[in-house]
Amino acid sequence: SGRDLRDVRLLVGSGGVLRYAGGGDAVAVLGAVLGDHAGG
């Protein structure tokens, strides 16, 4: 059944690409995850 992530309160991004991307780009990376309505 996979993992039930509906009650997740906090999404943390890590990794050099997010560190060097800057605020707007890093937010967009995590926004893509939280906006993945077609992901099943």
PDB file of all heavy atoms in Angstrom:
ATOM      1  N   SER A   1       0.803  -1.220   0.000  1.00  0.00           N
ATOM      2  CA  SER A   1       0.000   0.000   0.000  1.00  0.00           C
ATOM      3  C   SER A   1       0.833   1.266   0.000  1.00  0.00           C
ATOM      4  O   SER A   1       0.293   2.361   0.075  1.00  0.00           O
ATOM      5  CB  SER A   1      -0.932  -0.003   1.219  1.00  0.00           C
ATOM      6  OG  SER A   1      -0.176  -0.147   2.413  1.00  0.00           O
ATOM      7  N   GLY A   2       2.153   1.128  -0.103  1.00  0.00           N
ATOM      8  CA  GLY A   2       3.000   2.314  -0.088  1.00  0.00           C
ATOM      9  C   GLY A   2       3.020   2.969   1.278  1.00  0.00           C
ATOM     10  O   GLY A   2       2.761   2.340   2.297  1.00  0.00           O
ATOM     11  N   ARG A   3       3.307   4.274   1.276  1.00  0.00           N
ATOM     12  CA  ARG A   3       3.386   5.005   2.532  1.00  0.00           C
ATOM     13  C   ARG A   3       2.385   6.154   2.496  1.00  0.00           C
ATOM     14  O   ARG A   3       2.334   6.918   1.535  1.00  0.00           O
ATOM     15  CB  ARG A   3       4.803   5.522   2.769  1.00  0.00           C
ATOM     16  CG  ARG A   3       5.791   4.380   2.934  1.00  0.00           C
ATOM     17  CD  ARG A   3       7.179   4.835   3.281  1.00  0.00           C
ATOM     18  NE  ARG A   3       7.287   5.462   4.601  1.00  0.00           N
ATOM     19  CZ  ARG A   3       7.276   4.808   5.759  1.00  0.00           C
ATOM     20  NH1 ARG A   3       7.113   3.502   5.780  1.00  0.00           N
ATOM     21  NH2 ARG A   3       7.412   5.448   6.900  1.00  0.00           N
ATOM     22  N   ASP A   4       1.599   6.259   3.538  1.00  0.00           N
ATOM     23  CA  ASP A   4       0.531   7.243   3.621  1.00  0.00           C
ATOM     24  C   ASP A   4       1.107   8.571   4.114  1.00  0.00           C
ATOM     25  O   ASP A   4       1.393   8.733   5.303  1.00  0.00           O
ATOM     26  CB  ASP A   4      -0.552   6.740   4.572  1.00  0.00           C
ATOM     27  CG  ASP A   4      -1.784   7.633   4.592  1.00  0.00           C
ATOM     28  OD1 ASP A   4      -1.721   8.752   4.031  1.00  0.00           O
ATOM     29  OD2 ASP A   4      -2.804   7.218   5.166  1.00  0.00           O
ATOM     30  N   LEU A   5       1.277   9.518   3.209  1.00  0.00           N
ATOM     31  CA  LEU A   5       1.906  10.801   3.533  1.00  0.00           C
ATOM     32  C   LEU A   5       0.894  11.939   3.708  1.00  0.00           C
ATOM     33  O   LEU A   5       1.277  13.101   3.751  1.00  0.00           O
ATOM     34  CB  LEU A   5       2.915  11.179   2.441  1.00  0.00           C
ATOM     35  CG  LEU A   5       3.989  10.140   2.114  1.00  0.00           C
ATOM     36  CD1 LEU A   5       4.937  10.685   1.042  1.00  0.00           C
ATOM     37  CD2 LEU A   5       4.766   9.727   3.353  1.00  0.00           C
ATOM     38  N   ARG A   6      -0.374  11.619   3.827  1.00  0.00           N
ATOM     39  CA  ARG A   6      -1.395  12.673   3.891  1.00  0.00           C
ATOM     40  C   ARG A   6      -1.256  13.566   5.112  1.00  0.00           C
ATOM     41  O   ARG A   6      -1.611  14.746   5.074  1.00  0.00           O
ATOM     42  CB  ARG A   6      -2.790  12.052   3.860  1.00  0.00           C
ATOM     43  CG  ARG A   6      -3.187  11.490   2.497  1.00  0.00           C
ATOM     44  CD  ARG A   6      -4.516  10.787   2.561  1.00  0.00           C
ATOM     45  NE  ARG A   6      -4.449   9.580   3.387  1.00  0.00           N
ATOM     46  CZ  ARG A   6      -5.478   8.780   3.636  1.00  0.00           C
ATOM     47  NH1 ARG A   6      -6.674   9.074   3.143  1.00  0.00           N
ATOM     48  NH2 ARG A   6      -5.327   7.690   4.373  1.00  0.00           N
ATOM     49  N   ASP A   7      -0.739  13.027   6.223  1.00  0.00           N
ATOM     50  CA  ASP A   7      -0.645  13.814   7.454  1.00  0.00           C
ATOM     51  C   ASP A   7       0.713  14.495   7.624  1.00  0.00           C
ATOM     52  O   ASP A   7       1.006  15.039   8.703  1.00  0.00           O
ATOM     53  CB  ASP A   7      -0.917  12.914   8.670  1.00  0.00           C
ATOM     54  CG  ASP A   7      -2.360  12.434   8.709  1.00  0.00           C
ATOM     55  OD1 ASP A   7      -3.224  13.129   8.139  1.00  0.00           O
ATOM     56  OD2 ASP A   7      -2.617  11.360   9.296  1.00  0.00           O
ATOM     57  N   VAL A   8       1.529  14.482   6.586  1.00  0.00           N
ATOM     58  CA  VAL A   8       2.846  15.119   6.674  1.00  0.00           C
ATOM     59  C   VAL A   8       2.675  16.618   6.931  1.00  0.00           C
ATOM     60  O   VAL A   8       1.939  17.308   6.218  1.00  0.00           O
ATOM     61  CB  VAL A   8       3.645  14.884   5.371  1.00  0.00           C
ATOM     62  CG1 VAL A   8       4.829  15.840   5.267  1.00  0.00           C
ATOM     63  CG2 VAL A   8       4.117  13.439   5.316  1.00  0.00           C
ATOM     64  N   ARG A   9       3.366  17.103   7.949  1.00  0.00           N
ATOM     65  CA  ARG A   9       3.289  18.526   8.302  1.00  0.00           C
ATOM     66  C   ARG A   9       4.426  19.341   7.698  1.00  0.00           C
ATOM     67  O   ARG A   9       4.293  20.550   7.507  1.00  0.00           O
ATOM     68  CB  ARG A   9       3.331  18.682   9.826  1.00  0.00           C
ATOM     69  CG  ARG A   9       2.162  18.090  10.570  1.00  0.00           C
ATOM     70  CD  ARG A   9       2.260  18.445  12.046  1.00  0.00           C
ATOM     71  NE  ARG A   9       1.192  17.855  12.827  1.00  0.00           N
ATOM     72  CZ  ARG A   9       1.027  18.059  14.124  1.00  0.00           C
ATOM     73  NH1 ARG A   9       1.879  18.856  14.769  1.00  0.00           N
ATOM     74  NH2 ARG A   9       0.043  17.489  14.785  1.00  0.00           N
ATOM     75  N   LEU A  10       5.556  18.689   7.459  1.00  0.00           N
ATOM     76  CA  LEU A  10       6.747  19.417   7.030  1.00  0.00           C
ATOM     77  C   LEU A  10       7.463  18.621   5.940  1.00  0.00           C
ATOM     78  O   LEU A  10       7.718  17.427   6.097  1.00  0.00           O
ATOM     79  CB  LEU A  10       7.689  19.627   8.222  1.00  0.00           C
ATOM     80  CG  LEU A  10       8.916  20.510   7.981  1.00  0.00           C
ATOM     81  CD1 LEU A  10       8.483  21.956   7.741  1.00  0.00           C
ATOM     82  CD2 LEU A  10       9.871  20.437   9.171  1.00  0.00           C
ATOM     83  N   LEU A  11       7.777  19.298   4.844  1.00  0.00           N
ATOM     84  CA  LEU A  11       8.601  18.743   3.772  1.00  0.00           C
ATOM     85  C   LEU A  11       9.928  19.483   3.789  1.00  0.00           C
ATOM     86  O   LEU A  11       9.970  20.705   3.618  1.00  0.00           O
ATOM     87  CB  LEU A  11       7.917  18.908   2.415  1.00  0.00           C
ATOM     88  CG  LEU A  11       8.757  18.540   1.184  1.00  0.00           C
ATOM     89  CD1 LEU A  11       9.076  17.047   1.168  1.00  0.00           C
ATOM     90  CD2 LEU A  11       8.029  18.944  -0.102  1.00  0.00           C
ATOM     91  N   VAL A  12      11.015  18.748   4.004  1.00  0.00           N
ATOM     92  CA  VAL A  12      12.350  19.344   4.085  1.00  0.00           C
ATOM     93  C   VAL A  12      13.133  18.967   2.841  1.00  0.00           C
ATOM     94  O   VAL A  12      13.220  17.793   2.483  1.00  0.00           O
ATOM     95  CB  VAL A  12      13.102  18.859   5.339  1.00  0.00           C
ATOM     96  CG1 VAL A  12      14.478  19.516   5.417  1.00  0.00           C
ATOM     97  CG2 VAL A  12      12.293  19.151   6.591  1.00  0.00           C
ATOM     98  N   GLY A  13      13.700  19.958   2.186  1.00  0.00           N
ATOM     99  CA  GLY A  13      14.566  19.716   1.050  1.00  0.00           C
ATOM    100  C   GLY A  13      16.012  19.819   1.470  1.00  0.00           C
ATOM    101  O   GLY A  13      16.387  20.679   2.285  1.00  0.00           O
ATOM    102  N   SER A  14      16.864  18.956   0.915  1.00  0.00           N
ATOM    103  CA  SER A  14      18.275  18.970   1.243  1.00  0.00           C
ATOM    104  C   SER A  14      19.073  18.652  -0.013  1.00  0.00           C
ATOM    105  O   SER A  14      18.535  18.199  -1.011  1.00  0.00           O
ATOM    106  CB  SER A  14      18.574  17.933   2.341  1.00  0.00           C
ATOM    107  OG  SER A  14      19.933  17.971   2.713  1.00  0.00           O
ATOM    108  N   GLY A  15      20.384  18.904   0.048  1.00  0.00           N
ATOM    109  CA  GLY A  15      21.253  18.628  -1.086  1.00  0.00           C
ATOM    110  C   GLY A  15      21.870  19.898  -1.634  1.00  0.00           C
ATOM    111  O   GLY A  15      21.303  20.992  -1.523  1.00  0.00           O
ATOM    112  N   GLY A  16      23.050  19.741  -2.229  1.00  0.00           N
ATOM    113  CA  GLY A  16      23.788  20.891  -2.726  1.00  0.00           C
ATOM    114  C   GLY A  16      23.042  21.702  -3.754  1.00  0.00           C
ATOM    115  O   GLY A  16      23.123  22.936  -3.778  1.00  0.00           O
ATOM    116  N   VAL A  17      22.270  21.031  -4.622  1.00  0.00           N
ATOM    117  CA  VAL A  17      21.563  21.774  -5.672  1.00  0.00           C
ATOM    118  C   VAL A  17      20.552  22.730  -5.072  1.00  0.00           C
ATOM    119  O   VAL A  17      20.335  23.839  -5.592  1.00  0.00           O
ATOM    120  CB  VAL A  17      20.898  20.796  -6.666  1.00  0.00           C
ATOM    121  CG1 VAL A  17      19.771  20.018  -6.008  1.00  0.00           C
ATOM    122  CG2 VAL A  17      20.389  21.541  -7.890  1.00  0.00           C
ATOM    123  N   LEU A  18      19.921  22.359  -3.953  1.00  0.00           N
ATOM    124  CA  LEU A  18      18.956  23.257  -3.301  1.00  0.00           C
ATOM    125  C   LEU A  18      19.682  24.363  -2.544  1.00  0.00           C
ATOM    126  O   LEU A  18      19.207  25.500  -2.483  1.00  0.00           O
ATOM    127  CB  LEU A  18      18.058  22.473  -2.350  1.00  0.00           C
ATOM    128  CG  LEU A  18      17.139  21.436  -3.005  1.00  0.00           C
ATOM    129  CD1 LEU A  18      16.234  20.799  -1.968  1.00  0.00           C
ATOM    130  CD2 LEU A  18      16.300  22.069  -4.096  1.00  0.00           C
ATOM    131  N   ARG A  19      20.830  24.018  -2.000  1.00  0.00           N
ATOM    132  CA  ARG A  19      21.589  25.028  -1.271  1.00  0.00           C
ATOM    133  C   ARG A  19      22.059  26.136  -2.206  1.00  0.00           C
ATOM    134  O   ARG A  19      22.022  27.323  -1.862  1.00  0.00           O
ATOM    135  CB  ARG A  19      22.780  24.370  -0.583  1.00  0.00           C
ATOM    136  CG  ARG A  19      23.610  25.330   0.242  1.00  0.00           C
ATOM    137  CD  ARG A  19      24.781  24.629   0.903  1.00  0.00           C
ATOM    138  NE  ARG A  19      25.492  25.500   1.813  1.00  0.00           N
ATOM    139  CZ  ARG A  19      26.582  25.157   2.468  1.00  0.00           C
ATOM    140  NH1 ARG A  19      27.100  23.964   2.296  1.00  0.00           N
ATOM    141  NH2 ARG A  19      27.177  26.006   3.283  1.00  0.00           N
ATOM    142  N   TYR A  20      22.527  25.742  -3.390  1.00  0.00           N
ATOM    143  CA  TYR A  20      23.078  26.729  -4.315  1.00  0.00           C
ATOM    144  C   TYR A  20      22.023  27.344  -5.227  1.00  0.00           C
ATOM    145  O   TYR A  20      22.297  28.329  -5.898  1.00  0.00           O
ATOM    146  CB  TYR A  20      24.177  26.078  -5.163  1.00  0.00           C
ATOM    147  CG  TYR A  20      25.394  25.692  -4.363  1.00  0.00           C
ATOM    148  CD1 TYR A  20      25.744  24.358  -4.190  1.00  0.00           C
ATOM    149  CD2 TYR A  20      26.183  26.658  -3.746  1.00  0.00           C
ATOM    150  CE1 TYR A  20      26.850  23.992  -3.441  1.00  0.00           C
ATOM    151  CE2 TYR A  20      27.288  26.312  -2.996  1.00  0.00           C
ATOM    152  CZ  TYR A  20      27.623  24.979  -2.843  1.00  0.00           C
ATOM    153  OH  TYR A  20      28.714  24.625  -2.098  1.00  0.00           O
ATOM    154  N   ALA A  21      20.830  26.789  -5.243  1.00  0.00           N
ATOM    155  CA  ALA A  21      19.801  27.272  -6.167  1.00  0.00           C
ATOM    156  C   ALA A  21      19.282  28.653  -5.774  1.00  0.00           C
ATOM    157  O   ALA A  21      18.845  29.424  -6.618  1.00  0.00           O
ATOM    158  CB  ALA A  21      18.637  26.284  -6.231  1.00  0.00           C
ATOM    159  N   GLY A  22      19.284  28.941  -4.488  1.00  0.00           N
ATOM    160  CA  GLY A  22      18.686  30.202  -4.055  1.00  0.00           C
ATOM    161  C   GLY A  22      17.230  29.992  -3.678  1.00  0.00           C
ATOM    162  O   GLY A  22      16.609  28.980  -4.028  1.00  0.00           O
ATOM    163  N   GLY A  23      16.670  30.961  -2.980  1.00  0.00           N
ATOM    164  CA  GLY A  23      15.343  30.835  -2.401  1.00  0.00           C
ATOM    165  C   GLY A  23      14.250  30.450  -3.359  1.00  0.00           C
ATOM    166  O   GLY A  23      13.536  29.466  -3.158  1.00  0.00           O
ATOM    167  N   GLY A  24      14.093  31.210  -4.454  1.00  0.00           N
ATOM    168  CA  GLY A  24      12.979  30.965  -5.362  1.00  0.00           C
ATOM    169  C   GLY A  24      13.036  29.612  -6.034  1.00  0.00           C
ATOM    170  O   GLY A  24      12.034  28.885  -6.088  1.00  0.00           O
ATOM    171  N   ASP A  25      14.222  29.231  -6.542  1.00  0.00           N
ATOM    172  CA  ASP A  25      14.356  27.947  -7.222  1.00  0.00           C
ATOM    173  C   ASP A  25      14.180  26.792  -6.247  1.00  0.00           C
ATOM    174  O   ASP A  25      13.582  25.762  -6.583  1.00  0.00           O
ATOM    175  CB  ASP A  25      15.717  27.843  -7.910  1.00  0.00           C
ATOM    176  CG  ASP A  25      15.788  28.687  -9.177  1.00  0.00           C
ATOM    177  OD1 ASP A  25      14.715  29.035  -9.710  1.00  0.00           O
ATOM    178  OD2 ASP A  25      16.907  29.001  -9.617  1.00  0.00           O
ATOM    179  N   ALA A  26      14.714  26.906  -5.038  1.00  0.00           N
ATOM    180  CA  ALA A  26      14.576  25.845  -4.043  1.00  0.00           C
ATOM    181  C   ALA A  26      13.120  25.646  -3.655  1.00  0.00           C
ATOM    182  O   ALA A  26      12.641  24.513  -3.527  1.00  0.00           O
ATOM    183  CB  ALA A  26      15.413  26.174  -2.801  1.00  0.00           C
ATOM    184  N   VAL A  27      12.397  26.749  -3.492  1.00  0.00           N
ATOM    185  CA  VAL A  27      10.967  26.662  -3.176  1.00  0.00           C
ATOM    186  C   VAL A  27      10.209  25.989  -4.316  1.00  0.00           C
ATOM    187  O   VAL A  27       9.302  25.178  -4.100  1.00  0.00           O
ATOM    188  CB  VAL A  27      10.395  28.066  -2.898  1.00  0.00           C
ATOM    189  CG1 VAL A  27       8.869  28.025  -2.839  1.00  0.00           C
ATOM    190  CG2 VAL A  27      10.954  28.610  -1.591  1.00  0.00           C
ATOM    191  N   ALA A  28      10.610  26.284  -5.566  1.00  0.00           N
ATOM    192  CA  ALA A  28       9.945  25.687  -6.713  1.00  0.00           C
ATOM    193  C   ALA A  28      10.153  24.179  -6.761  1.00  0.00           C
ATOM    194  O   ALA A  28       9.244  23.422  -7.137  1.00  0.00           O
ATOM    195  CB  ALA A  28      10.455  26.321  -8.007  1.00  0.00           C
ATOM    196  N   VAL A  29      11.358  23.716  -6.376  1.00  0.00           N
ATOM    197  CA  VAL A  29      11.625  22.275  -6.352  1.00  0.00           C
ATOM    198  C   VAL A  29      10.675  21.575  -5.389  1.00  0.00           C
ATOM    199  O   VAL A  29      10.048  20.566  -5.721  1.00  0.00           O
ATOM    200  CB  VAL A  29      13.091  22.007  -5.956  1.00  0.00           C
ATOM    201  CG1 VAL A  29      13.305  20.522  -5.674  1.00  0.00           C
ATOM    202  CG2 VAL A  29      14.035  22.476  -7.054  1.00  0.00           C
ATOM    203  N   LEU A  30      10.537  22.093  -4.178  1.00  0.00           N
ATOM    204  CA  LEU A  30       9.654  21.476  -3.195  1.00  0.00           C
ATOM    205  C   LEU A  30       8.190  21.683  -3.560  1.00  0.00           C
ATOM    206  O   LEU A  30       7.343  20.821  -3.291  1.00  0.00           O
ATOM    207  CB  LEU A  30       9.952  22.046  -1.811  1.00  0.00           C
ATOM    208  CG  LEU A  30      11.381  21.804  -1.307  1.00  0.00           C
ATOM    209  CD1 LEU A  30      11.567  22.413   0.076  1.00  0.00           C
ATOM    210  CD2 LEU A  30      11.714  20.326  -1.281  1.00  0.00           C
ATOM    211  N   GLY A  31       7.884  22.820  -4.207  1.00  0.00           N
ATOM    212  CA  GLY A  31       6.521  23.050  -4.657  1.00  0.00           C
ATOM    213  C   GLY A  31       6.082  22.031  -5.687  1.00  0.00           C
ATOM    214  O   GLY A  31       4.898  21.649  -5.751  1.00  0.00           O
ATOM    215  N   ALA A  32       7.025  21.575  -6.518  1.00  0.00           N
ATOM    216  CA  ALA A  32       6.684  20.559  -7.509  1.00  0.00           C
ATOM    217  C   ALA A  32       6.236  19.268  -6.837  1.00  0.00           C
ATOM    218  O   ALA A  32       5.321  18.584  -7.321  1.00  0.00           O
ATOM    219  CB  ALA A  32       7.890  20.292  -8.418  1.00  0.00           C
ATOM    220  N   VAL A  33       6.870  18.923  -5.718  1.00  0.00           N
ATOM    221  CA  VAL A  33       6.485  17.717  -4.985  1.00  0.00           C
ATOM    222  C   VAL A  33       5.095  17.879  -4.386  1.00  0.00           C
ATOM    223  O   VAL A  33       4.224  17.012  -4.528  1.00  0.00           O
ATOM    224  CB  VAL A  33       7.511  17.398  -3.890  1.00  0.00           C
ATOM    225  CG1 VAL A  33       7.034  16.233  -3.032  1.00  0.00           C
ATOM    226  CG2 VAL A  33       8.879  17.088  -4.501  1.00  0.00           C
ATOM    227  N   LEU A  34       4.862  19.006  -3.719  1.00  0.00           N
ATOM    228  CA  LEU A  34       3.576  19.215  -3.048  1.00  0.00           C
ATOM    229  C   LEU A  34       2.436  19.475  -4.018  1.00  0.00           C
ATOM    230  O   LEU A  34       1.268  19.399  -3.647  1.00  0.00           O
ATOM    231  CB  LEU A  34       3.692  20.382  -2.062  1.00  0.00           C
ATOM    232  CG  LEU A  34       4.615  20.142  -0.864  1.00  0.00           C
ATOM    233  CD1 LEU A  34       4.711  21.383  -0.001  1.00  0.00           C
ATOM    234  CD2 LEU A  34       4.122  18.957  -0.029  1.00  0.00           C
ATOM    235  N   GLY A  35       2.769  19.779  -5.272  1.00  0.00           N
ATOM    236  CA  GLY A  35       1.739  20.006  -6.282  1.00  0.00           C
ATOM    237  C   GLY A  35       1.584  18.857  -7.258  1.00  0.00           C
ATOM    238  O   GLY A  35       0.999  19.026  -8.336  1.00  0.00           O
ATOM    239  N   ASP A  36       2.086  17.685  -6.905  1.00  0.00           N
ATOM    240  CA  ASP A  36       2.098  16.534  -7.822  1.00  0.00           C
ATOM    241  C   ASP A  36       0.760  15.797  -7.812  1.00  0.00           C
ATOM    242  O   ASP A  36       0.643  14.658  -7.356  1.00  0.00           O
ATOM    243  CB  ASP A  36       3.242  15.594  -7.430  1.00  0.00           C
ATOM    244  CG  ASP A  36       3.384  14.425  -8.384  1.00  0.00           C
ATOM    245  OD1 ASP A  36       3.030  14.575  -9.574  1.00  0.00           O
ATOM    246  OD2 ASP A  36       3.841  13.350  -7.944  1.00  0.00           O
ATOM    247  N   HIS A  37      -0.263  16.433  -8.342  1.00  0.00           N
ATOM    248  CA  HIS A  37      -1.620  15.865  -8.274  1.00  0.00           C
ATOM    249  C   HIS A  37      -1.828  14.681  -9.207  1.00  0.00           C
ATOM    250  O   HIS A  37      -2.799  13.940  -9.061  1.00  0.00           O
ATOM    251  CB  HIS A  37      -2.646  16.953  -8.602  1.00  0.00           C
ATOM    252  CG  HIS A  37      -2.666  18.073  -7.607  1.00  0.00           C
ATOM    253  ND1 HIS A  37      -3.242  17.955  -6.362  1.00  0.00           N
ATOM    254  CD2 HIS A  37      -2.153  19.333  -7.665  1.00  0.00           C
ATOM    255  CE1 HIS A  37      -3.099  19.090  -5.690  1.00  0.00           C
ATOM    256  NE2 HIS A  37      -2.442  19.945  -6.458  1.00  0.00           N
ATOM    257  N   ALA A  38      -0.929  14.471 -10.164  1.00  0.00           N
ATOM    258  CA  ALA A  38      -1.082  13.349 -11.101  1.00  0.00           C
ATOM    259  C   ALA A  38      -0.144  12.202 -10.757  1.00  0.00           C
ATOM    260  O   ALA A  38       0.089  11.313 -11.583  1.00  0.00           O
ATOM    261  CB  ALA A  38      -0.807  13.828 -12.527  1.00  0.00           C
ATOM    262  N   GLY A  39       0.389  12.187  -9.555  1.00  0.00           N
ATOM    263  CA  GLY A  39       1.418  11.214  -9.214  1.00  0.00           C
ATOM    264  C   GLY A  39       0.925   9.869  -8.743  1.00  0.00           C
ATOM    265  O   GLY A  39       1.723   8.963  -8.526  1.00  0.00           O
ATOM    266  N   GLY A  40      -0.371   9.728  -8.526  1.00  0.00           N
ATOM    267  CA  GLY A  40      -0.879   8.443  -8.073  1.00  0.00           C
ATOM    268  C   GLY A  40      -0.678   8.196  -6.586  1.00  0.00           C
ATOM    269  O   GLY A  40      -0.706   7.059  -6.121  1.00  0.00           O
TER     270      GLY A  40
END
